[in-house]
Amino acid sequence: MNYPKISIVTITFNAEKTIEQTILSVCNQNYKNIEYIVIDGQSTDSTFSIVNRYSDKIDIIINEPDRGISDAFNKGILRSTGDLVFILS
Protein backbone atom coordinates (compact mmCIF):
# COMPACT_ATOMS: atom_id res chain seq x y z
CA MET A 1 0.00 0.00 0.00
CA ASN A 2 1.25 3.48 -0.88
CA TYR A 3 0.88 5.84 2.07
CA PRO A 4 0.69 9.59 1.47
CA LYS A 5 3.74 11.60 2.43
CA ILE A 6 3.10 13.85 5.41
CA SER A 7 5.17 16.98 5.91
CA ILE A 8 5.34 18.27 9.46
CA VAL A 9 6.64 21.81 9.94
CA THR A 10 7.75 23.03 13.36
CA ILE A 11 8.60 26.69 13.77
CA THR A 12 10.46 27.82 16.83
CA PHE A 13 12.16 30.74 18.49
CA ASN A 14 13.83 30.55 21.91
CA ALA A 15 12.00 27.35 22.77
CA GLU A 16 14.73 25.47 24.65
CA LYS A 17 12.21 24.29 27.27
CA THR A 18 9.84 22.62 24.81
CA ILE A 19 11.58 21.93 21.48
CA GLU A 20 13.02 18.55 22.44
CA GLN A 21 9.60 17.25 23.48
CA THR A 22 8.15 18.48 20.18
CA ILE A 23 10.88 16.82 18.13
CA LEU A 24 10.53 13.54 20.01
CA SER A 25 6.78 13.63 19.50
CA VAL A 26 7.31 13.65 15.74
CA CYS A 27 10.21 11.18 15.75
CA ASN A 28 8.28 8.63 17.82
CA GLN A 29 5.37 8.37 15.39
CA ASN A 30 4.70 4.94 13.90
CA TYR A 31 3.77 6.37 10.51
CA LYS A 32 6.84 6.00 8.31
CA ASN A 33 6.26 8.39 5.41
CA ILE A 34 6.98 11.64 7.26
CA GLU A 35 9.07 14.58 6.17
CA TYR A 36 10.07 16.72 9.15
CA ILE A 37 11.03 20.37 8.76
CA VAL A 38 12.18 22.66 11.58
CA ILE A 39 12.35 26.42 11.06
CA ASP A 40 14.17 28.35 13.79
CA GLY A 41 14.13 32.14 13.78
CA GLN A 42 17.75 32.30 14.95
CA SER A 43 17.09 31.63 18.61
CA THR A 44 19.41 33.20 21.14
CA ASP A 45 19.05 30.40 23.68
CA SER A 46 20.03 26.73 23.25
CA THR A 47 17.12 25.87 20.94
CA PHE A 48 19.25 25.47 17.82
CA SER A 49 21.80 23.22 19.52
CA ILE A 50 18.95 20.99 20.72
CA VAL A 51 17.53 20.86 17.19
CA ASN A 52 20.96 19.93 15.84
CA ARG A 53 21.15 16.95 18.21
CA TYR A 54 18.32 15.45 16.15
CA SER A 55 19.59 16.48 12.73
CA ASP A 56 19.70 12.84 11.62
CA LYS A 57 15.92 12.63 12.18
CA ILE A 58 14.99 16.02 10.71
CA ASP A 59 14.86 16.36 6.93
CA ILE A 60 15.26 20.13 6.70
CA ILE A 61 16.60 22.53 9.32
CA ILE A 62 16.59 26.27 8.68
CA ASN A 63 18.08 28.72 11.16
CA GLU A 64 17.68 32.28 9.96
CA PRO A 65 15.84 35.44 10.94
CA ASP A 66 12.24 35.77 9.84
CA ARG A 67 9.60 38.46 9.82
CA GLY A 68 7.33 36.72 12.30
CA ILE A 69 5.30 33.58 12.73
CA SER A 70 3.59 33.70 9.32
CA ASP A 71 6.89 34.16 7.52
CA ALA A 72 8.35 31.18 9.38
CA PHE A 73 5.32 29.00 8.55
CA ASN A 74 5.57 30.00 4.90
CA LYS A 75 9.27 29.08 4.77
CA GLY A 76 8.42 25.59 5.97
CA ILE A 77 5.38 25.15 3.75
CA LEU A 78 7.31 26.26 0.66
CA ARG A 79 9.95 23.59 1.32
CA SER A 80 7.43 20.83 2.03
CA THR A 81 7.10 18.02 -0.48
CA GLY A 82 4.37 16.03 1.25
CA ASP A 83 0.86 15.26 0.07
CA LEU A 84 -0.36 16.72 3.36
CA VAL A 85 1.26 19.50 5.41
CA PHE A 86 0.81 19.88 9.16
CA ILE A 87 2.03 22.70 11.37
CA LEU A 88 3.30 21.75 14.82
CA SER A 89 4.65 24.52 16.98
C-alpha atoms as a PDB file:
ATOM      1  CA  MET A   1       0.000   0.000   0.000  1.00  0.00           C
ATOM      2  CA  ASN A   2       1.248   3.476  -0.885  1.00  0.00           C
ATOM      3  CA  TYR A   3       0.875   5.841   2.067  1.00  0.00           C
ATOM      4  CA  PRO A   4       0.694   9.588   1.466  1.00  0.00           C
ATOM      5  CA  LYS A   5       3.740  11.597   2.428  1.00  0.00           C
ATOM      6  CA  ILE A   6       3.099  13.850   5.405  1.00  0.00           C
ATOM      7  CA  SER A   7       5.171  16.981   5.910  1.00  0.00           C
ATOM      8  CA  ILE A   8       5.337  18.274   9.463  1.00  0.00           C
ATOM      9  CA  VAL A   9       6.637  21.813   9.943  1.00  0.00           C
ATOM     10  CA  THR A  10       7.754  23.028  13.361  1.00  0.00           C
ATOM     11  CA  ILE A  11       8.602  26.686  13.774  1.00  0.00           C
ATOM     12  CA  THR A  12      10.462  27.821  16.828  1.00  0.00           C
ATOM     13  CA  PHE A  13      12.155  30.740  18.493  1.00  0.00           C
ATOM     14  CA  ASN A  14      13.829  30.554  21.906  1.00  0.00           C
ATOM     15  CA  ALA A  15      12.002  27.353  22.773  1.00  0.00           C
ATOM     16  CA  GLU A  16      14.729  25.474  24.651  1.00  0.00           C
ATOM     17  CA  LYS A  17      12.214  24.288  27.271  1.00  0.00           C
ATOM     18  CA  THR A  18       9.845  22.620  24.808  1.00  0.00           C
ATOM     19  CA  ILE A  19      11.581  21.928  21.482  1.00  0.00           C
ATOM     20  CA  GLU A  20      13.018  18.552  22.439  1.00  0.00           C
ATOM     21  CA  GLN A  21       9.596  17.253  23.484  1.00  0.00           C
ATOM     22  CA  THR A  22       8.151  18.483  20.181  1.00  0.00           C
ATOM     23  CA  ILE A  23      10.881  16.821  18.129  1.00  0.00           C
ATOM     24  CA  LEU A  24      10.534  13.543  20.007  1.00  0.00           C
ATOM     25  CA  SER A  25       6.779  13.626  19.498  1.00  0.00           C
ATOM     26  CA  VAL A  26       7.314  13.645  15.740  1.00  0.00           C
ATOM     27  CA  CYS A  27      10.210  11.177  15.752  1.00  0.00           C
ATOM     28  CA  ASN A  28       8.281   8.633  17.820  1.00  0.00           C
ATOM     29  CA  GLN A  29       5.370   8.366  15.392  1.00  0.00           C
ATOM     30  CA  ASN A  30       4.703   4.943  13.899  1.00  0.00           C
ATOM     31  CA  TYR A  31       3.768   6.367  10.506  1.00  0.00           C
ATOM     32  CA  LYS A  32       6.844   6.000   8.313  1.00  0.00           C
ATOM     33  CA  ASN A  33       6.260   8.392   5.412  1.00  0.00           C
ATOM     34  CA  ILE A  34       6.978  11.641   7.262  1.00  0.00           C
ATOM     35  CA  GLU A  35       9.069  14.580   6.169  1.00  0.00           C
ATOM     36  CA  TYR A  36      10.073  16.716   9.152  1.00  0.00           C
ATOM     37  CA  ILE A  37      11.033  20.367   8.763  1.00  0.00           C
ATOM     38  CA  VAL A  38      12.182  22.662  11.577  1.00  0.00           C
ATOM     39  CA  ILE A  39      12.347  26.418  11.059  1.00  0.00           C
ATOM     40  CA  ASP A  40      14.165  28.351  13.787  1.00  0.00           C
ATOM     41  CA  GLY A  41      14.132  32.137  13.785  1.00  0.00           C
ATOM     42  CA  GLN A  42      17.751  32.299  14.949  1.00  0.00           C
ATOM     43  CA  SER A  43      17.085  31.626  18.608  1.00  0.00           C
ATOM     44  CA  THR A  44      19.414  33.201  21.136  1.00  0.00           C
ATOM     45  CA  ASP A  45      19.050  30.404  23.681  1.00  0.00           C
ATOM     46  CA  SER A  46      20.031  26.726  23.254  1.00  0.00           C
ATOM     47  CA  THR A  47      17.119  25.866  20.936  1.00  0.00           C
ATOM     48  CA  PHE A  48      19.246  25.469  17.818  1.00  0.00           C
ATOM     49  CA  SER A  49      21.804  23.220  19.516  1.00  0.00           C
ATOM     50  CA  ILE A  50      18.950  20.990  20.717  1.00  0.00           C
ATOM     51  CA  VAL A  51      17.527  20.861  17.188  1.00  0.00           C
ATOM     52  CA  ASN A  52      20.962  19.926  15.837  1.00  0.00           C
ATOM     53  CA  ARG A  53      21.146  16.952  18.206  1.00  0.00           C
ATOM     54  CA  TYR A  54      18.324  15.448  16.154  1.00  0.00           C
ATOM     55  CA  SER A  55      19.590  16.483  12.728  1.00  0.00           C
ATOM     56  CA  ASP A  56      19.695  12.837  11.622  1.00  0.00           C
ATOM     57  CA  LYS A  57      15.924  12.626  12.179  1.00  0.00           C
ATOM     58  CA  ILE A  58      14.988  16.023  10.705  1.00  0.00           C
ATOM     59  CA  ASP A  59      14.862  16.359   6.931  1.00  0.00           C
ATOM     60  CA  ILE A  60      15.264  20.130   6.699  1.00  0.00           C
ATOM     61  CA  ILE A  61      16.597  22.535   9.323  1.00  0.00           C
ATOM     62  CA  ILE A  62      16.591  26.265   8.684  1.00  0.00           C
ATOM     63  CA  ASN A  63      18.083  28.720  11.156  1.00  0.00           C
ATOM     64  CA  GLU A  64      17.677  32.284   9.964  1.00  0.00           C
ATOM     65  CA  PRO A  65      15.841  35.443  10.943  1.00  0.00           C
ATOM     66  CA  ASP A  66      12.239  35.772   9.838  1.00  0.00           C
ATOM     67  CA  ARG A  67       9.600  38.461   9.823  1.00  0.00           C
ATOM     68  CA  GLY A  68       7.331  36.721  12.300  1.00  0.00           C
ATOM     69  CA  ILE A  69       5.300  33.575  12.725  1.00  0.00           C
ATOM     70  CA  SER A  70       3.590  33.704   9.317  1.00  0.00           C
ATOM     71  CA  ASP A  71       6.894  34.158   7.520  1.00  0.00           C
ATOM     72  CA  ALA A  72       8.348  31.183   9.384  1.00  0.00           C
ATOM     73  CA  PHE A  73       5.316  28.997   8.547  1.00  0.00           C
ATOM     74  CA  ASN A  74       5.568  30.002   4.897  1.00  0.00           C
ATOM     75  CA  LYS A  75       9.266  29.078   4.775  1.00  0.00           C
ATOM     76  CA  GLY A  76       8.416  25.587   5.971  1.00  0.00           C
ATOM     77  CA  ILE A  77       5.385  25.147   3.753  1.00  0.00           C
ATOM     78  CA  LEU A  78       7.313  26.256   0.659  1.00  0.00           C
ATOM     79  CA  ARG A  79       9.949  23.590   1.320  1.00  0.00           C
ATOM     80  CA  SER A  80       7.425  20.833   2.025  1.00  0.00           C
ATOM     81  CA  THR A  81       7.098  18.024  -0.481  1.00  0.00           C
ATOM     82  CA  GLY A  82       4.366  16.031   1.248  1.00  0.00           C
ATOM     83  CA  ASP A  83       0.863  15.259   0.066  1.00  0.00           C
ATOM     84  CA  LEU A  84      -0.356  16.722   3.357  1.00  0.00           C
ATOM     85  CA  VAL A  85       1.261  19.496   5.406  1.00  0.00           C
ATOM     86  CA  PHE A  86       0.812  19.877   9.155  1.00  0.00           C
ATOM     87  CA  ILE A  87       2.032  22.701  11.365  1.00  0.00           C
ATOM     88  CA  LEU A  88       3.302  21.752  14.824  1.00  0.00           C
ATOM     89  CA  SER A  89       4.653  24.521  16.981  1.00  0.00           C
END
